[in-house]
Amino acid sequence: MGTSLIRLGFLRYSMDSGNSGTRGDSMEPVAKAFRTWQGNTHFTFSRVTDTTNANIKIGFSSRDHGDGVPFDGPWPLGQVIAHAFAPIDGRFHYDADEQWAAGVSPGSNSFDLETVALHEIGVMYFSDPGKIHKENLKN
């Protein structure tokens, strides 16, 4: 969708509410991550409600979910907590089998939605903006 707009740095993102694993409390942390990237790059990100108008479609999925990169189950046995594809594809998936939170407290066994979004957005646009290991995402 809109490859010329992508090249110019104008991108639209949406939470895939049709996905049964998508959490209602995940949008604000994800939006905050997009605002952080927008404030530090030439990209402009706009949230849209309809995924058909989005360059980036965000959702929660488990195991084999049809994108060729299946999740491997919950931490610590599973090693993949999220993945994203280049904006020309635009898919960004959290592993629904993990424990997620909007902000993480010391001693929590949850992963922080915003921190992982910051990383995955970076992967989408900058290949690998410095690996963030999941051990560092928990307190």
N, C-alpha and C. Protein backbone atom coordinates (compact mmCIF):
# COMPACT_ATOMS: atom_id res chain seq x y z
N MET A 1 0.82 -1.18 0.00
CA MET A 1 0.00 0.00 0.00
C MET A 1 0.86 1.24 0.00
N GLY A 2 0.72 2.11 -1.00
CA GLY A 2 1.36 3.41 -1.05
C GLY A 2 2.87 3.39 -0.95
N THR A 3 3.54 2.63 -1.86
CA THR A 3 4.99 2.54 -1.77
C THR A 3 5.65 3.90 -1.94
N SER A 4 5.07 4.81 -2.71
CA SER A 4 5.67 6.14 -2.85
C SER A 4 5.59 6.91 -1.53
N LEU A 5 4.50 6.75 -0.78
CA LEU A 5 4.39 7.39 0.53
C LEU A 5 5.39 6.78 1.51
N ILE A 6 5.60 5.47 1.42
CA ILE A 6 6.58 4.82 2.28
C ILE A 6 7.96 5.41 2.01
N ARG A 7 8.32 5.56 0.73
CA ARG A 7 9.62 6.13 0.37
C ARG A 7 9.78 7.54 0.91
N LEU A 8 8.69 8.29 0.97
CA LEU A 8 8.73 9.66 1.49
C LEU A 8 8.69 9.71 3.02
N GLY A 9 8.41 8.57 3.64
CA GLY A 9 8.43 8.51 5.10
C GLY A 9 7.08 8.73 5.76
N PHE A 10 5.99 8.66 5.00
CA PHE A 10 4.64 8.81 5.57
C PHE A 10 4.02 7.43 5.68
N LEU A 11 3.79 6.99 6.92
CA LEU A 11 3.27 5.65 7.13
C LEU A 11 2.07 5.64 8.07
N ARG A 12 1.16 4.71 7.80
CA ARG A 12 -0.03 4.54 8.63
C ARG A 12 0.04 3.17 9.31
N TYR A 13 -0.36 3.13 10.57
CA TYR A 13 -0.36 1.87 11.31
C TYR A 13 -1.72 1.65 11.94
N SER A 14 -2.02 0.36 12.17
CA SER A 14 -3.31 -0.01 12.76
C SER A 14 -3.16 -1.30 13.55
N MET A 15 -3.92 -1.39 14.62
CA MET A 15 -3.99 -2.62 15.39
C MET A 15 -5.02 -3.52 14.72
N ASP A 16 -4.67 -4.77 14.50
CA ASP A 16 -5.57 -5.73 13.85
C ASP A 16 -6.59 -6.22 14.87
N SER A 17 -7.69 -5.49 15.00
CA SER A 17 -8.71 -5.84 15.99
C SER A 17 -9.48 -7.10 15.60
N GLY A 18 -9.37 -7.53 14.36
CA GLY A 18 -10.03 -8.75 13.92
C GLY A 18 -9.28 -10.00 14.36
N ASN A 19 -8.08 -9.80 14.86
CA ASN A 19 -7.26 -10.91 15.34
C ASN A 19 -7.68 -11.22 16.77
N SER A 20 -8.08 -12.45 17.03
CA SER A 20 -8.63 -12.82 18.34
C SER A 20 -7.63 -12.67 19.48
N GLY A 21 -6.33 -12.70 19.18
CA GLY A 21 -5.33 -12.58 20.24
C GLY A 21 -4.94 -11.15 20.57
N THR A 22 -5.46 -10.16 19.82
CA THR A 22 -5.05 -8.78 20.02
C THR A 22 -5.64 -8.21 21.30
N ARG A 23 -4.77 -7.62 22.10
CA ARG A 23 -5.14 -7.08 23.41
C ARG A 23 -5.63 -5.65 23.29
N GLY A 24 -6.65 -5.31 24.05
CA GLY A 24 -7.20 -3.96 24.04
C GLY A 24 -6.27 -2.91 24.65
N ASP A 25 -5.40 -3.33 25.58
CA ASP A 25 -4.53 -2.36 26.26
C ASP A 25 -3.20 -2.16 25.54
N SER A 26 -3.05 -2.71 24.35
CA SER A 26 -1.76 -2.65 23.67
C SER A 26 -1.59 -1.42 22.79
N MET A 27 -2.65 -0.72 22.43
CA MET A 27 -2.52 0.35 21.45
C MET A 27 -1.73 1.54 21.96
N GLU A 28 -1.94 1.98 23.18
CA GLU A 28 -1.22 3.17 23.67
C GLU A 28 0.28 2.94 23.77
N PRO A 29 0.76 1.82 24.32
CA PRO A 29 2.21 1.60 24.32
C PRO A 29 2.81 1.55 22.90
N VAL A 30 2.09 0.95 21.97
CA VAL A 30 2.56 0.90 20.58
C VAL A 30 2.57 2.30 19.98
N ALA A 31 1.51 3.06 20.21
CA ALA A 31 1.45 4.44 19.70
C ALA A 31 2.61 5.28 20.26
N LYS A 32 2.92 5.07 21.52
CA LYS A 32 4.03 5.79 22.15
C LYS A 32 5.35 5.45 21.47
N ALA A 33 5.55 4.19 21.12
CA ALA A 33 6.77 3.77 20.42
C ALA A 33 6.85 4.44 19.05
N PHE A 34 5.74 4.51 18.33
CA PHE A 34 5.74 5.20 17.03
C PHE A 34 6.05 6.69 17.21
N ARG A 35 5.51 7.31 18.25
CA ARG A 35 5.82 8.73 18.51
C ARG A 35 7.30 8.93 18.80
N THR A 36 7.91 7.99 19.51
CA THR A 36 9.35 8.09 19.79
C THR A 36 10.15 8.02 18.50
N TRP A 37 9.83 7.07 17.64
CA TRP A 37 10.54 6.98 16.36
C TRP A 37 10.29 8.22 15.51
N GLN A 38 9.06 8.72 15.50
CA GLN A 38 8.75 9.91 14.70
C GLN A 38 9.57 11.11 15.19
N GLY A 39 9.74 11.24 16.49
CA GLY A 39 10.49 12.35 17.04
C GLY A 39 11.99 12.27 16.82
N ASN A 40 12.46 11.11 16.37
CA ASN A 40 13.90 10.92 16.21
C ASN A 40 14.32 10.52 14.80
N THR A 41 13.38 10.53 13.86
CA THR A 41 13.68 10.19 12.47
C THR A 41 12.90 11.13 11.56
N HIS A 42 13.04 10.94 10.26
CA HIS A 42 12.27 11.74 9.30
C HIS A 42 10.89 11.14 9.03
N PHE A 43 10.57 10.01 9.65
CA PHE A 43 9.29 9.34 9.40
C PHE A 43 8.13 10.03 10.11
N THR A 44 6.97 9.99 9.47
CA THR A 44 5.73 10.45 10.07
C THR A 44 4.79 9.25 10.14
N PHE A 45 4.34 8.93 11.34
CA PHE A 45 3.46 7.78 11.54
C PHE A 45 2.08 8.29 11.96
N SER A 46 1.05 7.75 11.32
CA SER A 46 -0.33 8.11 11.66
C SER A 46 -1.11 6.84 11.97
N ARG A 47 -1.86 6.89 13.04
CA ARG A 47 -2.70 5.75 13.41
C ARG A 47 -4.01 5.82 12.64
N VAL A 48 -4.42 4.70 12.07
CA VAL A 48 -5.70 4.58 11.39
C VAL A 48 -6.46 3.43 12.02
N THR A 49 -7.77 3.46 11.94
CA THR A 49 -8.57 2.40 12.56
C THR A 49 -8.81 1.22 11.65
N ASP A 50 -8.74 1.41 10.35
CA ASP A 50 -9.02 0.35 9.38
C ASP A 50 -7.71 -0.23 8.85
N THR A 51 -7.47 -1.51 9.07
CA THR A 51 -6.21 -2.11 8.62
C THR A 51 -6.04 -2.06 7.11
N THR A 52 -7.11 -1.95 6.35
CA THR A 52 -6.95 -1.88 4.89
C THR A 52 -6.27 -0.58 4.47
N ASN A 53 -6.29 0.44 5.32
CA ASN A 53 -5.63 1.71 5.02
C ASN A 53 -4.27 1.84 5.71
N ALA A 54 -3.78 0.76 6.30
CA ALA A 54 -2.54 0.82 7.07
C ALA A 54 -1.39 0.18 6.30
N ASN A 55 -0.21 0.80 6.40
CA ASN A 55 1.02 0.19 5.88
C ASN A 55 1.54 -0.85 6.85
N ILE A 56 1.29 -0.62 8.15
CA ILE A 56 1.78 -1.49 9.20
C ILE A 56 0.58 -2.04 9.96
N LYS A 57 0.46 -3.36 10.00
CA LYS A 57 -0.67 -4.02 10.66
C LYS A 57 -0.13 -4.79 11.86
N ILE A 58 -0.58 -4.41 13.05
CA ILE A 58 -0.05 -4.95 14.30
C ILE A 58 -1.06 -5.89 14.94
N GLY A 59 -0.59 -7.03 15.39
CA GLY A 59 -1.50 -7.96 16.04
C GLY A 59 -0.76 -8.95 16.92
N PHE A 60 -1.52 -9.78 17.59
CA PHE A 60 -0.99 -10.84 18.46
C PHE A 60 -1.36 -12.17 17.83
N SER A 61 -0.38 -13.05 17.72
CA SER A 61 -0.61 -14.37 17.12
C SER A 61 0.16 -15.43 17.89
N SER A 62 -0.25 -16.68 17.70
CA SER A 62 0.42 -17.80 18.35
C SER A 62 0.92 -18.79 17.31
N ARG A 63 2.01 -19.44 17.68
CA ARG A 63 2.56 -20.57 16.91
C ARG A 63 2.57 -20.27 15.40
N ASP A 64 2.09 -21.23 14.58
CA ASP A 64 2.05 -21.04 13.14
C ASP A 64 0.84 -20.18 12.81
N HIS A 65 1.07 -18.95 12.40
CA HIS A 65 -0.02 -18.01 12.17
C HIS A 65 -0.06 -17.49 10.73
N GLY A 66 0.59 -18.23 9.82
CA GLY A 66 0.41 -17.97 8.40
C GLY A 66 1.38 -17.00 7.74
N ASP A 67 2.41 -16.53 8.44
CA ASP A 67 3.33 -15.61 7.79
C ASP A 67 4.67 -16.25 7.45
N GLY A 68 4.79 -17.56 7.67
CA GLY A 68 6.03 -18.25 7.37
C GLY A 68 7.07 -18.19 8.49
N VAL A 69 6.76 -17.47 9.57
CA VAL A 69 7.68 -17.35 10.70
C VAL A 69 6.89 -17.66 11.98
N PRO A 70 6.69 -18.95 12.28
CA PRO A 70 5.87 -19.32 13.44
C PRO A 70 6.54 -18.94 14.76
N PHE A 71 5.70 -18.62 15.74
CA PHE A 71 6.21 -18.40 17.09
C PHE A 71 6.44 -19.75 17.74
N ASP A 72 7.27 -19.75 18.80
CA ASP A 72 7.72 -21.00 19.39
C ASP A 72 7.24 -21.21 20.82
N GLY A 73 6.20 -20.52 21.23
CA GLY A 73 5.66 -20.72 22.56
C GLY A 73 6.24 -19.77 23.58
N PRO A 74 5.75 -19.85 24.81
CA PRO A 74 6.13 -18.88 25.84
C PRO A 74 7.57 -19.03 26.33
N TRP A 75 8.11 -17.92 26.75
CA TRP A 75 9.42 -17.83 27.40
C TRP A 75 9.37 -18.63 28.69
N PRO A 76 10.34 -19.36 29.13
CA PRO A 76 11.70 -19.33 28.61
C PRO A 76 11.99 -20.39 27.55
N LEU A 77 11.08 -21.31 27.30
CA LEU A 77 11.34 -22.32 26.27
C LEU A 77 11.29 -21.70 24.88
N GLY A 78 10.31 -20.85 24.63
CA GLY A 78 10.22 -20.15 23.37
C GLY A 78 11.20 -18.99 23.35
N GLN A 79 11.82 -18.75 22.22
CA GLN A 79 12.85 -17.72 22.12
C GLN A 79 12.43 -16.48 21.34
N VAL A 80 11.32 -16.54 20.62
CA VAL A 80 10.88 -15.41 19.79
C VAL A 80 9.64 -14.79 20.44
N ILE A 81 9.72 -13.50 20.78
CA ILE A 81 8.59 -12.84 21.43
C ILE A 81 7.82 -11.92 20.50
N ALA A 82 8.44 -11.53 19.37
CA ALA A 82 7.77 -10.67 18.39
C ALA A 82 8.59 -10.68 17.11
N HIS A 83 7.98 -10.29 16.02
CA HIS A 83 8.72 -10.09 14.77
C HIS A 83 7.96 -9.13 13.88
N ALA A 84 8.71 -8.51 12.97
CA ALA A 84 8.11 -7.55 12.05
C ALA A 84 8.77 -7.70 10.69
N PHE A 85 8.05 -7.29 9.67
CA PHE A 85 8.53 -7.35 8.30
C PHE A 85 8.67 -5.93 7.76
N ALA A 86 9.44 -5.78 6.71
CA ALA A 86 9.65 -4.47 6.09
C ALA A 86 8.31 -3.82 5.75
N PRO A 87 8.27 -2.47 5.71
CA PRO A 87 7.00 -1.77 5.51
C PRO A 87 6.29 -2.11 4.20
N ILE A 88 7.00 -2.59 3.22
CA ILE A 88 6.33 -2.98 1.97
C ILE A 88 5.39 -4.15 2.27
N ASP A 89 5.73 -4.97 3.27
CA ASP A 89 4.88 -6.07 3.75
C ASP A 89 4.02 -5.56 4.90
N GLY A 90 4.66 -4.96 5.91
CA GLY A 90 3.97 -4.25 6.96
C GLY A 90 3.40 -5.05 8.12
N ARG A 91 3.72 -6.32 8.24
CA ARG A 91 3.17 -7.08 9.37
C ARG A 91 4.10 -6.98 10.58
N PHE A 92 3.49 -6.83 11.75
CA PHE A 92 4.21 -6.72 13.02
C PHE A 92 3.40 -7.54 14.01
N HIS A 93 3.99 -8.63 14.50
CA HIS A 93 3.28 -9.55 15.37
C HIS A 93 3.96 -9.72 16.72
N TYR A 94 3.16 -9.66 17.77
CA TYR A 94 3.58 -10.06 19.10
C TYR A 94 3.18 -11.52 19.28
N ASP A 95 3.98 -12.28 20.04
CA ASP A 95 3.62 -13.66 20.35
C ASP A 95 2.55 -13.64 21.45
N ALA A 96 1.36 -14.09 21.11
CA ALA A 96 0.23 -14.07 22.06
C ALA A 96 0.44 -15.02 23.23
N ASP A 97 1.38 -15.94 23.13
CA ASP A 97 1.64 -16.88 24.21
C ASP A 97 2.50 -16.28 25.33
N GLU A 98 3.07 -15.11 25.10
CA GLU A 98 3.91 -14.46 26.11
C GLU A 98 3.05 -13.66 27.08
N GLN A 99 3.63 -13.28 28.21
CA GLN A 99 2.98 -12.38 29.16
C GLN A 99 3.40 -10.96 28.79
N TRP A 100 2.42 -10.09 28.53
CA TRP A 100 2.67 -8.72 28.09
C TRP A 100 2.12 -7.73 29.11
N ALA A 101 2.74 -6.56 29.15
CA ALA A 101 2.27 -5.50 30.05
C ALA A 101 2.59 -4.14 29.44
N ALA A 102 1.78 -3.16 29.82
CA ALA A 102 2.06 -1.77 29.45
C ALA A 102 2.89 -1.20 30.59
N GLY A 103 4.20 -1.36 30.47
CA GLY A 103 5.12 -1.00 31.54
C GLY A 103 5.39 -2.24 32.37
N VAL A 104 6.60 -2.40 32.79
CA VAL A 104 6.98 -3.60 33.54
C VAL A 104 7.56 -3.19 34.89
N SER A 105 7.11 -3.83 35.92
CA SER A 105 7.59 -3.58 37.28
C SER A 105 8.71 -4.55 37.62
N PRO A 106 9.60 -4.14 38.56
CA PRO A 106 10.64 -5.07 39.00
C PRO A 106 10.02 -6.38 39.50
N GLY A 107 10.61 -7.48 39.11
CA GLY A 107 10.11 -8.79 39.51
C GLY A 107 9.02 -9.33 38.61
N SER A 108 8.59 -8.56 37.65
CA SER A 108 7.53 -8.99 36.74
C SER A 108 8.06 -10.05 35.77
N ASN A 109 7.19 -10.94 35.37
CA ASN A 109 7.54 -11.92 34.34
C ASN A 109 6.98 -11.53 32.98
N SER A 110 6.58 -10.27 32.85
CA SER A 110 5.98 -9.79 31.60
C SER A 110 6.99 -9.04 30.75
N PHE A 111 6.72 -9.00 29.46
CA PHE A 111 7.49 -8.19 28.53
C PHE A 111 6.75 -6.88 28.32
N ASP A 112 7.51 -5.81 28.16
CA ASP A 112 6.94 -4.48 27.98
C ASP A 112 6.56 -4.25 26.52
N LEU A 113 5.27 -3.97 26.28
CA LEU A 113 4.76 -3.76 24.92
C LEU A 113 5.49 -2.63 24.19
N GLU A 114 5.72 -1.52 24.87
CA GLU A 114 6.36 -0.37 24.22
C GLU A 114 7.81 -0.67 23.84
N THR A 115 8.56 -1.26 24.75
CA THR A 115 9.98 -1.55 24.47
C THR A 115 10.12 -2.48 23.28
N VAL A 116 9.28 -3.51 23.23
CA VAL A 116 9.34 -4.44 22.11
C VAL A 116 8.90 -3.74 20.82
N ALA A 117 7.90 -2.88 20.89
CA ALA A 117 7.48 -2.12 19.71
C ALA A 117 8.61 -1.22 19.21
N LEU A 118 9.31 -0.54 20.11
CA LEU A 118 10.45 0.28 19.71
C LEU A 118 11.46 -0.55 18.91
N HIS A 119 11.75 -1.71 19.41
CA HIS A 119 12.71 -2.59 18.73
C HIS A 119 12.18 -3.04 17.37
N GLU A 120 10.95 -3.54 17.33
CA GLU A 120 10.40 -4.08 16.07
C GLU A 120 10.24 -2.99 15.00
N ILE A 121 9.85 -1.79 15.39
CA ILE A 121 9.77 -0.69 14.43
C ILE A 121 11.16 -0.42 13.87
N GLY A 122 12.15 -0.43 14.73
CA GLY A 122 13.53 -0.25 14.26
C GLY A 122 13.96 -1.34 13.30
N VAL A 123 13.59 -2.57 13.59
CA VAL A 123 13.92 -3.68 12.69
C VAL A 123 13.26 -3.47 11.33
N MET A 124 12.02 -2.98 11.33
CA MET A 124 11.31 -2.76 10.08
C MET A 124 12.04 -1.76 9.18
N TYR A 125 12.62 -0.75 9.77
CA TYR A 125 13.18 0.35 8.99
C TYR A 125 14.69 0.40 8.95
N PHE A 126 15.33 -0.17 9.93
CA PHE A 126 16.78 -0.01 10.02
C PHE A 126 17.49 -1.35 10.15
N SER A 127 16.83 -2.42 9.79
CA SER A 127 17.35 -3.78 9.79
C SER A 127 17.62 -4.32 11.20
N ASP A 128 18.48 -3.70 11.98
CA ASP A 128 18.69 -4.13 13.36
C ASP A 128 19.29 -2.96 14.13
N PRO A 129 18.47 -2.21 14.86
CA PRO A 129 18.94 -1.00 15.53
C PRO A 129 19.69 -1.27 16.82
N GLY A 130 20.40 -2.37 16.87
CA GLY A 130 21.08 -2.76 18.11
C GLY A 130 20.20 -3.78 18.78
N LYS A 131 20.66 -4.98 18.84
CA LYS A 131 19.82 -6.05 19.35
C LYS A 131 19.39 -5.79 20.79
N ILE A 132 18.10 -5.97 21.02
CA ILE A 132 17.55 -5.89 22.37
C ILE A 132 17.23 -7.32 22.76
N HIS A 133 17.91 -7.83 23.73
CA HIS A 133 17.68 -9.21 24.15
C HIS A 133 16.57 -9.24 25.19
N LYS A 134 15.73 -10.25 25.09
CA LYS A 134 14.56 -10.30 25.96
C LYS A 134 14.91 -10.37 27.44
N GLU A 135 16.09 -10.87 27.77
CA GLU A 135 16.47 -10.88 29.17
C GLU A 135 16.52 -9.45 29.73
N ASN A 136 16.82 -8.47 28.87
CA ASN A 136 16.92 -7.08 29.29
C ASN A 136 15.57 -6.38 29.33
N LEU A 137 14.51 -7.04 28.87
CA LEU A 137 13.19 -6.43 28.83
C LEU A 137 12.40 -6.72 30.10
N LYS A 138 12.90 -7.62 30.90
CA LYS A 138 12.24 -7.96 32.17
C LYS A 138 13.04 -7.38 33.31
N ASN A 139 12.37 -6.96 34.35
CA ASN A 139 13.07 -6.47 35.54
C ASN A 139 13.03 -7.49 36.63
